[in-house]
Amino acid sequence: MSTRLDDDGGMTERCETCGRETLHDVSIHLRTESRRAKNAEFSREPYRVATCRCCGAERSLRMNDA
């Protein structure tokens, strides 16, 4: 998950699908992990979501595990 800024200020990181360093859109999403409605509001976890601008491949990483 190594990232760096390119000359245009975009985030680049390795895309496993493309097999090279590419620009990515990176965001944080809250995802509900519990399947039980009673506990759903207490089971949200932050995930880092990176989407390759070249091929559209998406990779997510649970931030509490990072």
PDB file of N, CA and C in Angstrom:
ATOM      1  N   MET A   1       0.826  -1.175   0.000  1.00  0.00           N
ATOM      2  CA  MET A   1       0.000   0.000   0.000  1.00  0.00           C
ATOM      3  C   MET A   1       0.880   1.251   0.000  1.00  0.00           C
ATOM      4  N   SER A   2       2.016   1.185  -0.600  1.00  0.00           N
ATOM      5  CA  SER A   2       2.880   2.350  -0.697  1.00  0.00           C
ATOM      6  C   SER A   2       2.295   3.335  -1.698  1.00  0.00           C
ATOM      7  N   THR A   3       2.175   4.584  -1.289  1.00  0.00           N
ATOM      8  CA  THR A   3       1.620   5.600  -2.179  1.00  0.00           C
ATOM      9  C   THR A   3       2.578   6.767  -2.289  1.00  0.00           C
ATOM     10  N   ARG A   4       2.510   7.471  -3.413  1.00  0.00           N
ATOM     11  CA  ARG A   4       3.274   8.702  -3.583  1.00  0.00           C
ATOM     12  C   ARG A   4       2.534   9.617  -4.529  1.00  0.00           C
ATOM     13  N   LEU A   5       2.906  10.862  -4.488  1.00  0.00           N
ATOM     14  CA  LEU A   5       2.290  11.848  -5.367  1.00  0.00           C
ATOM     15  C   LEU A   5       3.033  11.880  -6.691  1.00  0.00           C
ATOM     16  N   ASP A   6       2.287  11.930  -7.795  1.00  0.00           N
ATOM     17  CA  ASP A   6       2.926  12.094  -9.095  1.00  0.00           C
ATOM     18  C   ASP A   6       3.102  13.584  -9.370  1.00  0.00           C
ATOM     19  N   ASP A   7       3.588  13.926 -10.540  1.00  0.00           N
ATOM     20  CA  ASP A   7       3.847  15.328 -10.887  1.00  0.00           C
ATOM     21  C   ASP A   7       2.588  16.185 -10.869  1.00  0.00           C
ATOM     22  N   ASP A   8       1.431  15.582 -11.116  1.00  0.00           N
ATOM     23  CA  ASP A   8       0.168  16.319 -11.131  1.00  0.00           C
ATOM     24  C   ASP A   8      -0.513  16.355  -9.766  1.00  0.00           C
ATOM     25  N   GLY A   9       0.115  15.768  -8.753  1.00  0.00           N
ATOM     26  CA  GLY A   9      -0.467  15.767  -7.416  1.00  0.00           C
ATOM     27  C   GLY A   9      -1.394  14.597  -7.157  1.00  0.00           C
ATOM     28  N   GLY A  10      -1.491  13.631  -8.074  1.00  0.00           N
ATOM     29  CA  GLY A  10      -2.343  12.459  -7.888  1.00  0.00           C
ATOM     30  C   GLY A  10      -1.646  11.390  -7.062  1.00  0.00           C
ATOM     31  N   MET A  11      -2.430  10.471  -6.511  1.00  0.00           N
ATOM     32  CA  MET A  11      -1.889   9.383  -5.709  1.00  0.00           C
ATOM     33  C   MET A  11      -1.565   8.200  -6.610  1.00  0.00           C
ATOM     34  N   THR A  12      -0.336   7.715  -6.543  1.00  0.00           N
ATOM     35  CA  THR A  12       0.027   6.524  -7.304  1.00  0.00           C
ATOM     36  C   THR A  12       0.364   5.400  -6.338  1.00  0.00           C
ATOM     37  N   GLU A  13      -0.004   4.198  -6.726  1.00  0.00           N
ATOM     38  CA  GLU A  13       0.371   2.998  -5.993  1.00  0.00           C
ATOM     39  C   GLU A  13       0.295   1.825  -6.952  1.00  0.00           C
ATOM     40  N   ARG A  14       0.817   0.702  -6.527  1.00  0.00           N
ATOM     41  CA  ARG A  14       0.869  -0.459  -7.406  1.00  0.00           C
ATOM     42  C   ARG A  14      -0.518  -1.056  -7.579  1.00  0.00           C
ATOM     43  N   CYS A  15      -0.878  -1.303  -8.837  1.00  0.00           N
ATOM     44  CA  CYS A  15      -2.124  -1.991  -9.166  1.00  0.00           C
ATOM     45  C   CYS A  15      -1.767  -3.421  -9.552  1.00  0.00           C
ATOM     46  N   GLU A  16      -2.290  -4.391  -8.822  1.00  0.00           N
ATOM     47  CA  GLU A  16      -1.995  -5.796  -9.114  1.00  0.00           C
ATOM     48  C   GLU A  16      -2.589  -6.227 -10.447  1.00  0.00           C
ATOM     49  N   THR A  17      -3.704  -5.634 -10.841  1.00  0.00           N
ATOM     50  CA  THR A  17      -4.339  -5.985 -12.111  1.00  0.00           C
ATOM     51  C   THR A  17      -3.523  -5.456 -13.282  1.00  0.00           C
ATOM     52  N   CYS A  18      -3.105  -4.182 -13.213  1.00  0.00           N
ATOM     53  CA  CYS A  18      -2.295  -3.574 -14.278  1.00  0.00           C
ATOM     54  C   CYS A  18      -0.841  -4.042 -14.213  1.00  0.00           C
ATOM     55  N   GLY A  19      -0.371  -4.381 -13.014  1.00  0.00           N
ATOM     56  CA  GLY A  19       1.004  -4.814 -12.834  1.00  0.00           C
ATOM     57  C   GLY A  19       2.010  -3.679 -12.823  1.00  0.00           C
ATOM     58  N   ARG A  20       1.560  -2.453 -12.501  1.00  0.00           N
ATOM     59  CA  ARG A  20       2.474  -1.308 -12.478  1.00  0.00           C
ATOM     60  C   ARG A  20       1.938  -0.222 -11.557  1.00  0.00           C
ATOM     61  N   GLU A  21       2.720   0.834 -11.383  1.00  0.00           N
ATOM     62  CA  GLU A  21       2.305   1.998 -10.602  1.00  0.00           C
ATOM     63  C   GLU A  21       1.324   2.819 -11.430  1.00  0.00           C
ATOM     64  N   THR A  22       0.139   3.076 -10.891  1.00  0.00           N
ATOM     65  CA  THR A  22      -0.878   3.848 -11.606  1.00  0.00           C
ATOM     66  C   THR A  22      -1.538   4.844 -10.660  1.00  0.00           C
ATOM     67  N   LEU A  23      -2.236   5.809 -11.230  1.00  0.00           N
ATOM     68  CA  LEU A  23      -3.016   6.751 -10.431  1.00  0.00           C
ATOM     69  C   LEU A  23      -4.207   6.030  -9.814  1.00  0.00           C
ATOM     70  N   HIS A  24      -4.525   6.363  -8.578  1.00  0.00           N
ATOM     71  CA  HIS A  24      -5.655   5.766  -7.868  1.00  0.00           C
ATOM     72  C   HIS A  24      -6.499   6.854  -7.215  1.00  0.00           C
ATOM     73  N   ASP A  25      -7.790   6.617  -7.146  1.00  0.00           N
ATOM     74  CA  ASP A  25      -8.684   7.422  -6.323  1.00  0.00           C
ATOM     75  C   ASP A  25      -8.774   6.700  -4.985  1.00  0.00           C
ATOM     76  N   VAL A  26      -8.494   7.404  -3.897  1.00  0.00           N
ATOM     77  CA  VAL A  26      -8.467   6.790  -2.571  1.00  0.00           C
ATOM     78  C   VAL A  26      -9.497   7.476  -1.682  1.00  0.00           C
ATOM     79  N   SER A  27     -10.281   6.662  -0.966  1.00  0.00           N
ATOM     80  CA  SER A  27     -11.293   7.205  -0.062  1.00  0.00           C
ATOM     81  C   SER A  27     -11.444   6.281   1.146  1.00  0.00           C
ATOM     82  N   ILE A  28     -12.138   6.777   2.157  1.00  0.00           N
ATOM     83  CA  ILE A  28     -12.436   5.990   3.355  1.00  0.00           C
ATOM     84  C   ILE A  28     -13.942   5.732   3.385  1.00  0.00           C
ATOM     85  N   HIS A  29     -14.325   4.466   3.561  1.00  0.00           N
ATOM     86  CA  HIS A  29     -15.737   4.081   3.624  1.00  0.00           C
ATOM     87  C   HIS A  29     -16.000   3.418   4.971  1.00  0.00           C
ATOM     88  N   LEU A  30     -17.153   3.675   5.546  1.00  0.00           N
ATOM     89  CA  LEU A  30     -17.590   2.951   6.740  1.00  0.00           C
ATOM     90  C   LEU A  30     -18.447   1.783   6.284  1.00  0.00           C
ATOM     91  N   ARG A  31     -18.054   0.576   6.671  1.00  0.00           N
ATOM     92  CA  ARG A  31     -18.797  -0.621   6.270  1.00  0.00           C
ATOM     93  C   ARG A  31     -19.334  -1.330   7.501  1.00  0.00           C
ATOM     94  N   THR A  32     -20.552  -1.822   7.383  1.00  0.00           N
ATOM     95  CA  THR A  32     -21.173  -2.584   8.458  1.00  0.00           C
ATOM     96  C   THR A  32     -20.743  -4.032   8.325  1.00  0.00           C
ATOM     97  N   GLU A  33     -20.193  -4.585   9.397  1.00  0.00           N
ATOM     98  CA  GLU A  33     -19.689  -5.955   9.351  1.00  0.00           C
ATOM     99  C   GLU A  33     -20.658  -6.965   9.943  1.00  0.00           C
ATOM    100  N   SER A  34     -21.553  -6.534  10.811  1.00  0.00           N
ATOM    101  CA  SER A  34     -22.500  -7.461  11.430  1.00  0.00           C
ATOM    102  C   SER A  34     -23.668  -7.729  10.491  1.00  0.00           C
ATOM    103  N   ARG A  35     -24.091  -8.970  10.421  1.00  0.00           N
ATOM    104  CA  ARG A  35     -25.252  -9.328   9.606  1.00  0.00           C
ATOM    105  C   ARG A  35     -26.544  -9.230  10.415  1.00  0.00           C
ATOM    106  N   ARG A  36     -26.414  -9.051  11.708  1.00  0.00           N
ATOM    107  CA  ARG A  36     -27.586  -8.962  12.578  1.00  0.00           C
ATOM    108  C   ARG A  36     -28.020  -7.505  12.678  1.00  0.00           C
ATOM    109  N   ALA A  37     -29.256  -7.241  12.372  1.00  0.00           N
ATOM    110  CA  ALA A  37     -29.777  -5.871  12.382  1.00  0.00           C
ATOM    111  C   ALA A  37     -29.624  -5.222  13.754  1.00  0.00           C
ATOM    112  N   LYS A  38     -29.751  -6.018  14.801  1.00  0.00           N
ATOM    113  CA  LYS A  38     -29.667  -5.494  16.164  1.00  0.00           C
ATOM    114  C   LYS A  38     -28.289  -4.888  16.459  1.00  0.00           C
ATOM    115  N   ASN A  39     -27.231  -5.469  15.893  1.00  0.00           N
ATOM    116  CA  ASN A  39     -25.866  -5.018  16.168  1.00  0.00           C
ATOM    117  C   ASN A  39     -25.263  -4.169  15.051  1.00  0.00           C
ATOM    118  N   ALA A  40     -25.964  -3.990  13.957  1.00  0.00           N
ATOM    119  CA  ALA A  40     -25.398  -3.329  12.776  1.00  0.00           C
ATOM    120  C   ALA A  40     -24.871  -1.928  13.068  1.00  0.00           C
ATOM    121  N   GLU A  41     -25.593  -1.156  13.859  1.00  0.00           N
ATOM    122  CA  GLU A  41     -25.160   0.220  14.106  1.00  0.00           C
ATOM    123  C   GLU A  41     -23.872   0.296  14.922  1.00  0.00           C
ATOM    124  N   PHE A  42     -23.508  -0.790  15.599  1.00  0.00           N
ATOM    125  CA  PHE A  42     -22.296  -0.806  16.415  1.00  0.00           C
ATOM    126  C   PHE A  42     -21.129  -1.506  15.730  1.00  0.00           C
ATOM    127  N   SER A  43     -21.326  -2.007  14.532  1.00  0.00           N
ATOM    128  CA  SER A  43     -20.284  -2.809  13.893  1.00  0.00           C
ATOM    129  C   SER A  43     -19.695  -2.154  12.650  1.00  0.00           C
ATOM    130  N   ARG A  44     -19.751  -0.841  12.562  1.00  0.00           N
ATOM    131  CA  ARG A  44     -19.175  -0.155  11.405  1.00  0.00           C
ATOM    132  C   ARG A  44     -17.673  -0.002  11.598  1.00  0.00           C
ATOM    133  N   GLU A  45     -16.936  -0.301  10.541  1.00  0.00           N
ATOM    134  CA  GLU A  45     -15.481  -0.199  10.575  1.00  0.00           C
ATOM    135  C   GLU A  45     -14.999   0.612   9.378  1.00  0.00           C
ATOM    136  N   PRO A  46     -13.913   1.384   9.543  1.00  0.00           N
ATOM    137  CA  PRO A  46     -13.382   2.157   8.414  1.00  0.00           C
ATOM    138  C   PRO A  46     -12.545   1.278   7.479  1.00  0.00           C
ATOM    139  N   TYR A  47     -12.748   1.462   6.193  1.00  0.00           N
ATOM    140  CA  TYR A  47     -11.981   0.767   5.164  1.00  0.00           C
ATOM    141  C   TYR A  47     -11.364   1.787   4.226  1.00  0.00           C
ATOM    142  N   ARG A  48     -10.110   1.586   3.863  1.00  0.00           N
ATOM    143  CA  ARG A  48      -9.442   2.400   2.850  1.00  0.00           C
ATOM    144  C   ARG A  48      -9.732   1.737   1.510  1.00  0.00           C
ATOM    145  N   VAL A  49     -10.341   2.478   0.592  1.00  0.00           N
ATOM    146  CA  VAL A  49     -10.706   1.938  -0.712  1.00  0.00           C
ATOM    147  C   VAL A  49      -9.905   2.672  -1.779  1.00  0.00           C
ATOM    148  N   ALA A  50      -9.126   1.922  -2.558  1.00  0.00           N
ATOM    149  CA  ALA A  50      -8.321   2.491  -3.636  1.00  0.00           C
ATOM    150  C   ALA A  50      -8.827   1.926  -4.960  1.00  0.00           C
ATOM    151  N   THR A  51      -9.151   2.819  -5.903  1.00  0.00           N
ATOM    152  CA  THR A  51      -9.647   2.414  -7.212  1.00  0.00           C
ATOM    153  C   THR A  51      -8.672   2.883  -8.279  1.00  0.00           C
ATOM    154  N   CYS A  52      -8.183   1.943  -9.085  1.00  0.00           N
ATOM    155  CA  CYS A  52      -7.235   2.257 -10.154  1.00  0.00           C
ATOM    156  C   CYS A  52      -7.939   3.068 -11.239  1.00  0.00           C
ATOM    157  N   ARG A  53      -7.338   4.178 -11.635  1.00  0.00           N
ATOM    158  CA  ARG A  53      -7.924   5.011 -12.686  1.00  0.00           C
ATOM    159  C   ARG A  53      -7.724   4.414 -14.079  1.00  0.00           C
ATOM    160  N   CYS A  54      -6.794   3.481 -14.224  1.00  0.00           N
ATOM    161  CA  CYS A  54      -6.554   2.867 -15.537  1.00  0.00           C
ATOM    162  C   CYS A  54      -7.524   1.727 -15.837  1.00  0.00           C
ATOM    163  N   CYS A  55      -7.655   0.783 -14.892  1.00  0.00           N
ATOM    164  CA  CYS A  55      -8.463  -0.407 -15.171  1.00  0.00           C
ATOM    165  C   CYS A  55      -9.733  -0.494 -14.332  1.00  0.00           C
ATOM    166  N   GLY A  56      -9.851   0.343 -13.294  1.00  0.00           N
ATOM    167  CA  GLY A  56     -11.049   0.328 -12.458  1.00  0.00           C
ATOM    168  C   GLY A  56     -11.026  -0.698 -11.338  1.00  0.00           C
ATOM    169  N   ALA A  57      -9.928  -1.445 -11.205  1.00  0.00           N
ATOM    170  CA  ALA A  57      -9.839  -2.439 -10.130  1.00  0.00           C
ATOM    171  C   ALA A  57      -9.900  -1.737  -8.779  1.00  0.00           C
ATOM    172  N   GLU A  58     -10.640  -2.342  -7.853  1.00  0.00           N
ATOM    173  CA  GLU A  58     -10.818  -1.751  -6.530  1.00  0.00           C
ATOM    174  C   GLU A  58     -10.220  -2.667  -5.479  1.00  0.00           C
ATOM    175  N   ARG A  59      -9.499  -2.068  -4.542  1.00  0.00           N
ATOM    176  CA  ARG A  59      -8.911  -2.828  -3.442  1.00  0.00           C
ATOM    177  C   ARG A  59      -9.286  -2.134  -2.145  1.00  0.00           C
ATOM    178  N   SER A  60      -9.685  -2.903  -1.145  1.00  0.00           N
ATOM    179  CA  SER A  60     -10.042  -2.301   0.136  1.00  0.00           C
ATOM    180  C   SER A  60      -9.237  -2.952   1.252  1.00  0.00           C
ATOM    181  N   LEU A  61      -8.965  -2.159   2.278  1.00  0.00           N
ATOM    182  CA  LEU A  61      -8.190  -2.609   3.423  1.00  0.00           C
ATOM    183  C   LEU A  61      -8.870  -2.107   4.686  1.00  0.00           C
ATOM    184  N   ARG A  62      -9.159  -3.011   5.589  1.00  0.00           N
ATOM    185  CA  ARG A  62      -9.766  -2.633   6.872  1.00  0.00           C
ATOM    186  C   ARG A  62      -8.721  -1.862   7.670  1.00  0.00           C
ATOM    187  N   MET A  63      -9.033  -0.639   8.034  1.00  0.00           N
ATOM    188  CA  MET A  63      -8.048   0.238   8.660  1.00  0.00           C
ATOM    189  C   MET A  63      -7.640  -0.225  10.053  1.00  0.00           C
ATOM    190  N   ASN A  64      -8.493  -0.894  10.771  1.00  0.00           N
ATOM    191  CA  ASN A  64      -8.126  -1.386  12.096  1.00  0.00           C
ATOM    192  C   ASN A  64      -7.121  -2.523  12.013  1.00  0.00           C
ATOM    193  N   ASP A  65      -6.944  -3.113  10.817  1.00  0.00           N
ATOM    194  CA  ASP A  65      -5.975  -4.186  10.617  1.00  0.00           C
ATOM    195  C   ASP A  65      -4.674  -3.677  10.019  1.00  0.00           C
ATOM    196  N   ALA A  66      -4.647  -2.407   9.616  1.00  0.00           N
ATOM    197  CA  ALA A  66      -3.468  -1.859   8.921  1.00  0.00           C
ATOM    198  C   ALA A  66      -2.296  -1.694   9.859  1.00  0.00           C
TER     199      ALA A  66
END
